[in-house]
């Protein structure tokens, strides 16, 4: 297995909310996403983000997934921050 680390500059001062796109069926909820090809492997990327611009960019894909798979999809905003652990410097 190959681990890919993307070293992009962080741009949010502090993450205060997280947006999640979740499908809903008789058994409950599950986070949706799509598969992308990275370094020769298919990787499932969940539709979870921490800023409104990214959330807005995911909306059309979430709506398409709902249509294509005949599923209800909810956009959920989680906004209670609790820092559980810290690693590194």
PDB file of N, CA and C in Angstrom:
ATOM      1  N   UNK A   1       0.842  -1.179   0.000  1.00  0.00           N
ATOM      2  CA  UNK A   1       0.000   0.000   0.000  1.00  0.00           C
ATOM      3  C   UNK A   1       0.887   1.242   0.000  1.00  0.00           C
ATOM      4  N   UNK A   2       0.489   2.227  -0.783  1.00  0.00           N
ATOM      5  CA  UNK A   2       1.231   3.478  -0.881  1.00  0.00           C
ATOM      6  C   UNK A   2       0.474   4.568  -0.142  1.00  0.00           C
ATOM      7  N   UNK A   3       1.187   5.332   0.675  1.00  0.00           N
ATOM      8  CA  UNK A   3       0.592   6.469   1.359  1.00  0.00           C
ATOM      9  C   UNK A   3       0.960   7.731   0.597  1.00  0.00           C
ATOM     10  N   UNK A   4      -0.036   8.536   0.295  1.00  0.00           N
ATOM     11  CA  UNK A   4       0.181   9.781  -0.430  1.00  0.00           C
ATOM     12  C   UNK A   4      -0.077  10.936   0.531  1.00  0.00           C
ATOM     13  N   UNK A   5       0.906  11.808   0.688  1.00  0.00           N
ATOM     14  CA  UNK A   5       0.751  12.973   1.547  1.00  0.00           C
ATOM     15  C   UNK A   5       0.804  14.210   0.669  1.00  0.00           C
ATOM     16  N   UNK A   6      -0.246  15.008   0.721  1.00  0.00           N
ATOM     17  CA  UNK A   6      -0.277  16.258  -0.017  1.00  0.00           C
ATOM     18  C   UNK A   6       0.081  17.370   0.956  1.00  0.00           C
ATOM     19  N   UNK A   7       1.133  18.103   0.664  1.00  0.00           N
ATOM     20  CA  UNK A   7       1.622  19.126   1.581  1.00  0.00           C
ATOM     21  C   UNK A   7       1.193  20.503   1.104  1.00  0.00           C
ATOM     22  N   UNK A   8      -0.108  20.751   1.170  1.00  0.00           N
ATOM     23  CA  UNK A   8      -0.648  22.051   0.783  1.00  0.00           C
ATOM     24  C   UNK A   8      -0.666  22.970   1.997  1.00  0.00           C
ATOM     25  N   UNK A   9      -0.576  24.248   1.752  1.00  0.00           N
ATOM     26  CA  UNK A   9      -0.657  25.234   2.830  1.00  0.00           C
ATOM     27  C   UNK A   9      -2.083  25.252   3.375  1.00  0.00           C
ATOM     28  N   UNK A  10      -2.206  25.204   4.692  1.00  0.00           N
ATOM     29  CA  UNK A  10      -3.519  25.324   5.324  1.00  0.00           C
ATOM     30  C   UNK A  10      -4.036  26.734   5.115  1.00  0.00           C
ATOM     31  N   UNK A  11      -5.326  26.865   4.856  1.00  0.00           N
ATOM     32  CA  UNK A  11      -5.876  28.184   4.572  1.00  0.00           C
ATOM     33  C   UNK A  11      -6.991  28.603   5.531  1.00  0.00           C
ATOM     34  N   UNK A  12      -7.446  27.717   6.380  1.00  0.00           N
ATOM     35  CA  UNK A  12      -8.462  28.078   7.361  1.00  0.00           C
ATOM     36  C   UNK A  12      -7.764  28.402   8.683  1.00  0.00           C
ATOM     37  N   UNK A  13      -8.097  29.547   9.267  1.00  0.00           N
ATOM     38  CA  UNK A  13      -7.471  29.922  10.536  1.00  0.00           C
ATOM     39  C   UNK A  13      -7.760  28.871  11.601  1.00  0.00           C
ATOM     40  N   UNK A  14      -9.023  28.466  11.680  1.00  0.00           N
ATOM     41  CA  UNK A  14      -9.429  27.431  12.625  1.00  0.00           C
ATOM     42  C   UNK A  14     -10.681  26.776  12.067  1.00  0.00           C
ATOM     43  N   UNK A  15     -10.737  25.473  12.087  1.00  0.00           N
ATOM     44  CA  UNK A  15     -11.915  24.759  11.594  1.00  0.00           C
ATOM     45  C   UNK A  15     -12.981  24.826  12.688  1.00  0.00           C
ATOM     46  N   UNK A  16     -14.098  25.468  12.357  1.00  0.00           N
ATOM     47  CA  UNK A  16     -15.175  25.638  13.333  1.00  0.00           C
ATOM     48  C   UNK A  16     -16.439  24.879  12.956  1.00  0.00           C
ATOM     49  N   UNK A  17     -16.478  24.369  11.733  1.00  0.00           N
ATOM     50  CA  UNK A  17     -17.624  23.574  11.300  1.00  0.00           C
ATOM     51  C   UNK A  17     -17.163  22.624  10.202  1.00  0.00           C
ATOM     52  N   UNK A  18     -17.888  21.539  10.075  1.00  0.00           N
ATOM     53  CA  UNK A  18     -17.602  20.542   9.055  1.00  0.00           C
ATOM     54  C   UNK A  18     -18.914  20.214   8.361  1.00  0.00           C
ATOM     55  N   UNK A  19     -18.864  20.128   7.045  1.00  0.00           N
ATOM     56  CA  UNK A  19     -20.030  19.768   6.246  1.00  0.00           C
ATOM     57  C   UNK A  19     -19.877  18.320   5.784  1.00  0.00           C
ATOM     58  N   UNK A  20     -20.976  17.584   5.843  1.00  0.00           N
ATOM     59  CA  UNK A  20     -20.988  16.178   5.457  1.00  0.00           C
ATOM     60  C   UNK A  20     -22.195  15.946   4.552  1.00  0.00           C
ATOM     61  N   UNK A  21     -21.975  15.254   3.444  1.00  0.00           N
ATOM     62  CA  UNK A  21     -23.077  14.827   2.586  1.00  0.00           C
ATOM     63  C   UNK A  21     -23.335  13.361   2.904  1.00  0.00           C
ATOM     64  N   UNK A  22     -24.561  13.048   3.331  1.00  0.00           N
ATOM     65  CA  UNK A  22     -24.894  11.689   3.759  1.00  0.00           C
ATOM     66  C   UNK A  22     -26.114  11.172   3.020  1.00  0.00           C
ATOM     67  N   UNK A  23     -26.031   9.912   2.598  1.00  0.00           N
ATOM     68  CA  UNK A  23     -27.210   9.268   2.021  1.00  0.00           C
ATOM     69  C   UNK A  23     -28.052   8.715   3.166  1.00  0.00           C
ATOM     70  N   UNK A  24     -29.343   8.583   2.897  1.00  0.00           N
ATOM     71  CA  UNK A  24     -30.273   8.112   3.917  1.00  0.00           C
ATOM     72  C   UNK A  24     -31.099   6.983   3.319  1.00  0.00           C
ATOM     73  N   UNK A  25     -31.186   5.873   4.041  1.00  0.00           N
ATOM     74  CA  UNK A  25     -32.075   4.782   3.638  1.00  0.00           C
ATOM     75  C   UNK A  25     -32.690   4.167   4.882  1.00  0.00           C
ATOM     76  N   UNK A  26     -33.393   3.068   4.723  1.00  0.00           N
ATOM     77  CA  UNK A  26     -34.103   2.458   5.851  1.00  0.00           C
ATOM     78  C   UNK A  26     -33.172   2.002   6.969  1.00  0.00           C
ATOM     79  N   UNK A  27     -31.894   1.788   6.654  1.00  0.00           N
ATOM     80  CA  UNK A  27     -30.934   1.316   7.649  1.00  0.00           C
ATOM     81  C   UNK A  27     -30.187   2.439   8.359  1.00  0.00           C
ATOM     82  N   UNK A  28     -30.332   3.685   7.884  1.00  0.00           N
ATOM     83  CA  UNK A  28     -29.656   4.800   8.540  1.00  0.00           C
ATOM     84  C   UNK A  28     -28.982   5.717   7.541  1.00  0.00           C
ATOM     85  N   UNK A  29     -27.863   6.327   7.966  1.00  0.00           N
ATOM     86  CA  UNK A  29     -27.132   7.285   7.150  1.00  0.00           C
ATOM     87  C   UNK A  29     -25.719   6.793   6.877  1.00  0.00           C
ATOM     88  N   UNK A  30     -25.162   7.260   5.759  1.00  0.00           N
ATOM     89  CA  UNK A  30     -23.776   6.955   5.417  1.00  0.00           C
ATOM     90  C   UNK A  30     -23.195   8.082   4.591  1.00  0.00           C
ATOM     91  N   UNK A  31     -21.935   8.376   4.794  1.00  0.00           N
ATOM     92  CA  UNK A  31     -21.281   9.463   4.068  1.00  0.00           C
ATOM     93  C   UNK A  31     -21.066   9.045   2.620  1.00  0.00           C
ATOM     94  N   UNK A  32     -21.429   9.938   1.699  1.00  0.00           N
ATOM     95  CA  UNK A  32     -21.235   9.647   0.280  1.00  0.00           C
ATOM     96  C   UNK A  32     -19.899  10.211  -0.190  1.00  0.00           C
ATOM     97  N   UNK A  33     -19.519   9.839  -1.378  1.00  0.00           N
ATOM     98  CA  UNK A  33     -18.289  10.331  -1.978  1.00  0.00           C
ATOM     99  C   UNK A  33     -18.159   9.779  -3.377  1.00  0.00           C
ATOM    100  N   UNK A  34     -16.953   9.855  -3.908  1.00  0.00           N
ATOM    101  CA  UNK A  34     -16.704   9.287  -5.232  1.00  0.00           C
ATOM    102  C   UNK A  34     -15.297   8.722  -5.278  1.00  0.00           C
ATOM    103  N   UNK A  35     -15.070   7.903  -6.255  1.00  0.00           N
ATOM    104  CA  UNK A  35     -13.767   7.266  -6.420  1.00  0.00           C
ATOM    105  C   UNK A  35     -12.941   8.081  -7.398  1.00  0.00           C
ATOM    106  N   UNK A  36     -11.696   8.349  -7.019  1.00  0.00           N
ATOM    107  CA  UNK A  36     -10.760   9.022  -7.916  1.00  0.00           C
ATOM    108  C   UNK A  36      -9.522   8.157  -8.060  1.00  0.00           C
ATOM    109  N   UNK A  37      -8.808   8.376  -9.126  1.00  0.00           N
ATOM    110  CA  UNK A  37      -7.622   7.579  -9.436  1.00  0.00           C
ATOM    111  C   UNK A  37      -6.376   8.349  -8.993  1.00  0.00           C
ATOM    112  N   UNK A  38      -5.620   7.807  -8.023  1.00  0.00           N
ATOM    113  CA  UNK A  38      -4.391   8.437  -7.525  1.00  0.00           C
ATOM    114  C   UNK A  38      -3.274   7.408  -7.539  1.00  0.00           C
ATOM    115  N   UNK A  39      -2.173   7.747  -8.186  1.00  0.00           N
ATOM    116  CA  UNK A  39      -0.992   6.868  -8.221  1.00  0.00           C
ATOM    117  C   UNK A  39      -1.328   5.424  -8.592  1.00  0.00           C
ATOM    118  N   UNK A  40      -2.167   5.270  -9.593  1.00  0.00           N
ATOM    119  CA  UNK A  40      -2.488   3.932 -10.084  1.00  0.00           C
ATOM    120  C   UNK A  40      -3.513   3.176  -9.266  1.00  0.00           C
ATOM    121  N   UNK A  41      -4.095   3.814  -8.269  1.00  0.00           N
ATOM    122  CA  UNK A  41      -5.078   3.138  -7.425  1.00  0.00           C
ATOM    123  C   UNK A  41      -6.361   3.943  -7.369  1.00  0.00           C
ATOM    124  N   UNK A  42      -7.479   3.247  -7.241  1.00  0.00           N
ATOM    125  CA  UNK A  42      -8.750   3.912  -7.019  1.00  0.00           C
ATOM    126  C   UNK A  42      -8.902   4.195  -5.529  1.00  0.00           C
ATOM    127  N   UNK A  43      -9.200   5.434  -5.199  1.00  0.00           N
ATOM    128  CA  UNK A  43      -9.317   5.866  -3.810  1.00  0.00           C
ATOM    129  C   UNK A  43     -10.697   6.491  -3.618  1.00  0.00           C
ATOM    130  N   UNK A  44     -11.387   6.093  -2.559  1.00  0.00           N
ATOM    131  CA  UNK A  44     -12.701   6.658  -2.259  1.00  0.00           C
ATOM    132  C   UNK A  44     -12.517   7.943  -1.470  1.00  0.00           C
ATOM    133  N   UNK A  45     -13.007   9.039  -2.002  1.00  0.00           N
ATOM    134  CA  UNK A  45     -12.917  10.350  -1.361  1.00  0.00           C
ATOM    135  C   UNK A  45     -14.296  10.734  -0.841  1.00  0.00           C
ATOM    136  N   UNK A  46     -14.413  10.877   0.463  1.00  0.00           N
ATOM    137  CA  UNK A  46     -15.700  11.210   1.068  1.00  0.00           C
ATOM    138  C   UNK A  46     -16.041  12.678   0.850  1.00  0.00           C
ATOM    139  N   UNK A  47     -17.310  12.976   0.852  1.00  0.00           N
ATOM    140  CA  UNK A  47     -17.788  14.349   0.708  1.00  0.00           C
ATOM    141  C   UNK A  47     -17.904  14.964   2.104  1.00  0.00           C
ATOM    142  N   UNK A  48     -16.758  15.293   2.669  1.00  0.00           N
ATOM    143  CA  UNK A  48     -16.636  15.940   3.967  1.00  0.00           C
ATOM    144  C   UNK A  48     -15.712  17.129   3.763  1.00  0.00           C
ATOM    145  N   UNK A  49     -16.106  18.306   4.235  1.00  0.00           N
ATOM    146  CA  UNK A  49     -15.271  19.488   4.029  1.00  0.00           C
ATOM    147  C   UNK A  49     -15.465  20.477   5.173  1.00  0.00           C
ATOM    148  N   UNK A  50     -14.572  21.470   5.233  1.00  0.00           N
ATOM    149  CA  UNK A  50     -14.571  22.400   6.362  1.00  0.00           C
ATOM    150  C   UNK A  50     -14.762  23.852   5.951  1.00  0.00           C
ATOM    151  N   UNK A  51     -15.150  24.099   4.726  1.00  0.00           N
ATOM    152  CA  UNK A  51     -15.409  25.479   4.322  1.00  0.00           C
ATOM    153  C   UNK A  51     -16.557  25.523   3.323  1.00  0.00           C
ATOM    154  N   UNK A  52     -17.231  26.657   3.293  1.00  0.00           N
ATOM    155  CA  UNK A  52     -18.438  26.787   2.469  1.00  0.00           C
ATOM    156  C   UNK A  52     -18.142  26.695   0.976  1.00  0.00           C
ATOM    157  N   UNK A  53     -17.003  27.212   0.549  1.00  0.00           N
ATOM    158  CA  UNK A  53     -16.681  27.160  -0.881  1.00  0.00           C
ATOM    159  C   UNK A  53     -16.550  25.719  -1.355  1.00  0.00           C
ATOM    160  N   UNK A  54     -15.860  24.884  -0.601  1.00  0.00           N
ATOM    161  CA  UNK A  54     -15.722  23.471  -0.963  1.00  0.00           C
ATOM    162  C   UNK A  54     -17.070  22.772  -0.901  1.00  0.00           C
ATOM    163  N   UNK A  55     -17.876  23.100   0.118  1.00  0.00           N
ATOM    164  CA  UNK A  55     -19.199  22.507   0.241  1.00  0.00           C
ATOM    165  C   UNK A  55     -20.043  22.826  -0.994  1.00  0.00           C
ATOM    166  N   UNK A  56     -20.006  24.084  -1.408  1.00  0.00           N
ATOM    167  CA  UNK A  56     -20.766  24.482  -2.595  1.00  0.00           C
ATOM    168  C   UNK A  56     -20.278  23.753  -3.841  1.00  0.00           C
ATOM    169  N   UNK A  57     -18.970  23.500  -3.928  1.00  0.00           N
ATOM    170  CA  UNK A  57     -18.426  22.795  -5.103  1.00  0.00           C
ATOM    171  C   UNK A  57     -18.831  21.321  -5.127  1.00  0.00           C
ATOM    172  N   UNK A  58     -19.134  20.746  -3.968  1.00  0.00           N
ATOM    173  CA  UNK A  58     -19.547  19.345  -3.901  1.00  0.00           C
ATOM    174  C   UNK A  58     -21.049  19.149  -4.127  1.00  0.00           C
ATOM    175  N   UNK A  59     -21.831  20.213  -3.942  1.00  0.00           N
ATOM    176  CA  UNK A  59     -23.292  20.086  -4.069  1.00  0.00           C
ATOM    177  C   UNK A  59     -23.748  19.483  -5.391  1.00  0.00           C
ATOM    178  N   UNK A  60     -23.255  19.956  -6.538  1.00  0.00           N
ATOM    179  CA  UNK A  60     -23.736  19.361  -7.798  1.00  0.00           C
ATOM    180  C   UNK A  60     -23.453  17.859  -7.891  1.00  0.00           C
ATOM    181  N   UNK A  61     -22.299  17.424  -7.397  1.00  0.00           N
ATOM    182  CA  UNK A  61     -21.986  15.992  -7.439  1.00  0.00           C
ATOM    183  C   UNK A  61     -22.884  15.216  -6.487  1.00  0.00           C
ATOM    184  N   UNK A  62     -23.157  15.776  -5.317  1.00  0.00           N
ATOM    185  CA  UNK A  62     -24.047  15.107  -4.359  1.00  0.00           C
ATOM    186  C   UNK A  62     -25.455  14.967  -4.934  1.00  0.00           C
ATOM    187  N   UNK A  63     -25.929  16.019  -5.588  1.00  0.00           N
ATOM    188  CA  UNK A  63     -27.251  15.963  -6.222  1.00  0.00           C
ATOM    189  C   UNK A  63     -27.286  14.926  -7.339  1.00  0.00           C
ATOM    190  N   UNK A  64     -26.199  14.820  -8.098  1.00  0.00           N
ATOM    191  CA  UNK A  64     -26.121  13.832  -9.179  1.00  0.00           C
ATOM    192  C   UNK A  64     -26.121  12.412  -8.618  1.00  0.00           C
ATOM    193  N   UNK A  65     -25.394  12.198  -7.531  1.00  0.00           N
ATOM    194  CA  UNK A  65     -25.383  10.879  -6.882  1.00  0.00           C
ATOM    195  C   UNK A  65     -26.794  10.524  -6.418  1.00  0.00           C
ATOM    196  N   UNK A  66     -27.510  11.491  -5.837  1.00  0.00           N
ATOM    197  CA  UNK A  66     -28.890  11.239  -5.384  1.00  0.00           C
ATOM    198  C   UNK A  66     -29.769  10.828  -6.552  1.00  0.00           C
ATOM    199  N   UNK A  67     -29.638  11.547  -7.675  1.00  0.00           N
ATOM    200  CA  UNK A  67     -30.445  11.219  -8.861  1.00  0.00           C
ATOM    201  C   UNK A  67     -30.064   9.853  -9.432  1.00  0.00           C
ATOM    202  N   UNK A  68     -28.775   9.634  -9.622  1.00  0.00           N
ATOM    203  CA  UNK A  68     -28.310   8.399 -10.271  1.00  0.00           C
ATOM    204  C   UNK A  68     -28.630   7.152  -9.457  1.00  0.00           C
ATOM    205  N   UNK A  69     -28.601   7.267  -8.135  1.00  0.00           N
ATOM    206  CA  UNK A  69     -28.771   6.091  -7.279  1.00  0.00           C
ATOM    207  C   UNK A  69     -30.116   6.062  -6.557  1.00  0.00           C
ATOM    208  N   UNK A  70     -30.992   7.015  -6.918  1.00  0.00           N
ATOM    209  CA  UNK A  70     -32.339   7.080  -6.336  1.00  0.00           C
ATOM    210  C   UNK A  70     -32.279   7.037  -4.810  1.00  0.00           C
ATOM    211  N   UNK A  71     -31.402   7.877  -4.259  1.00  0.00           N
ATOM    212  CA  UNK A  71     -31.212   7.962  -2.809  1.00  0.00           C
ATOM    213  C   UNK A  71     -31.536   9.363  -2.329  1.00  0.00           C
ATOM    214  N   UNK A  72     -31.961   9.462  -1.082  1.00  0.00           N
ATOM    215  CA  UNK A  72     -32.067  10.763  -0.440  1.00  0.00           C
ATOM    216  C   UNK A  72     -30.671  11.105   0.064  1.00  0.00           C
ATOM    217  N   UNK A  73     -30.225  12.326  -0.207  1.00  0.00           N
ATOM    218  CA  UNK A  73     -28.933  12.798   0.277  1.00  0.00           C
ATOM    219  C   UNK A  73     -29.171  14.062   1.084  1.00  0.00           C
ATOM    220  N   UNK A  74     -28.595  14.096   2.287  1.00  0.00           N
ATOM    221  CA  UNK A  74     -28.709  15.256   3.159  1.00  0.00           C
ATOM    222  C   UNK A  74     -27.362  15.969   3.241  1.00  0.00           C
ATOM    223  N   UNK A  75     -27.424  17.295   3.347  1.00  0.00           N
ATOM    224  CA  UNK A  75     -26.243  18.094   3.655  1.00  0.00           C
ATOM    225  C   UNK A  75     -26.328  18.424   5.135  1.00  0.00           C
ATOM    226  N   UNK A  76     -25.309  18.012   5.885  1.00  0.00           N
ATOM    227  CA  UNK A  76     -25.307  18.161   7.337  1.00  0.00           C
ATOM    228  C   UNK A  76     -24.145  19.068   7.737  1.00  0.00           C
ATOM    229  N   UNK A  77     -24.413  20.015   8.627  1.00  0.00           N
ATOM    230  CA  UNK A  77     -23.352  20.869   9.165  1.00  0.00           C
ATOM    231  C   UNK A  77     -23.153  20.509  10.631  1.00  0.00           C
ATOM    232  N   UNK A  78     -21.929  20.142  10.973  1.00  0.00           N
ATOM    233  CA  UNK A  78     -21.575  19.832  12.359  1.00  0.00           C
ATOM    234  C   UNK A  78     -20.733  20.990  12.879  1.00  0.00           C
ATOM    235  N   UNK A  79     -21.087  21.525  14.056  1.00  0.00           N
ATOM    236  CA  UNK A  79     -20.413  22.752  14.479  1.00  0.00           C
ATOM    237  C   UNK A  79     -19.982  22.782  15.940  1.00  0.00           C
ATOM    238  N   UNK A  80     -19.870  21.665  16.571  1.00  0.00           N
ATOM    239  CA  UNK A  80     -19.336  21.625  17.930  1.00  0.00           C
ATOM    240  C   UNK A  80     -17.918  21.070  17.837  1.00  0.00           C
ATOM    241  N   UNK A  81     -16.962  21.877  18.256  1.00  0.00           N
ATOM    242  CA  UNK A  81     -15.557  21.477  18.162  1.00  0.00           C
ATOM    243  C   UNK A  81     -15.098  20.936  19.510  1.00  0.00           C
ATOM    244  N   UNK A  82     -14.494  19.754  19.476  1.00  0.00           N
ATOM    245  CA  UNK A  82     -13.891  19.147  20.649  1.00  0.00           C
ATOM    246  C   UNK A  82     -12.565  18.556  20.217  1.00  0.00           C
ATOM    247  N   UNK A  83     -11.476  19.116  20.699  1.00  0.00           N
ATOM    248  CA  UNK A  83     -10.144  18.606  20.350  1.00  0.00           C
ATOM    249  C   UNK A  83      -9.850  17.427  21.257  1.00  0.00           C
ATOM    250  N   UNK A  84      -9.667  16.242  20.663  1.00  0.00           N
ATOM    251  CA  UNK A  84      -9.470  15.027  21.433  1.00  0.00           C
ATOM    252  C   UNK A  84      -8.010  14.706  21.697  1.00  0.00           C
ATOM    253  N   UNK A  85      -7.164  14.878  20.705  1.00  0.00           N
ATOM    254  CA  UNK A  85      -5.740  14.582  20.825  1.00  0.00           C
ATOM    255  C   UNK A  85      -4.956  15.490  19.904  1.00  0.00           C
ATOM    256  N   UNK A  86      -3.644  15.523  20.082  1.00  0.00           N
ATOM    257  CA  UNK A  86      -2.770  16.303  19.212  1.00  0.00           C
ATOM    258  C   UNK A  86      -1.501  15.490  18.981  1.00  0.00           C
ATOM    259  N   UNK A  87      -0.989  15.532  17.739  1.00  0.00           N
ATOM    260  CA  UNK A  87       0.197  14.764  17.379  1.00  0.00           C
ATOM    261  C   UNK A  87       1.222  15.692  16.747  1.00  0.00           C
ATOM    262  N   UNK A  88       2.472  15.371  16.842  1.00  0.00           N
ATOM    263  CA  UNK A  88       3.508  16.154  16.170  1.00  0.00           C
ATOM    264  C   UNK A  88       3.971  17.340  17.003  1.00  0.00           C
ATOM    265  N   UNK A  89       4.589  18.284  16.319  1.00  0.00           N
ATOM    266  CA  UNK A  89       5.257  19.426  16.974  1.00  0.00           C
ATOM    267  C   UNK A  89       4.350  20.216  17.852  1.00  0.00           C
TER     268      UNK A  89
END
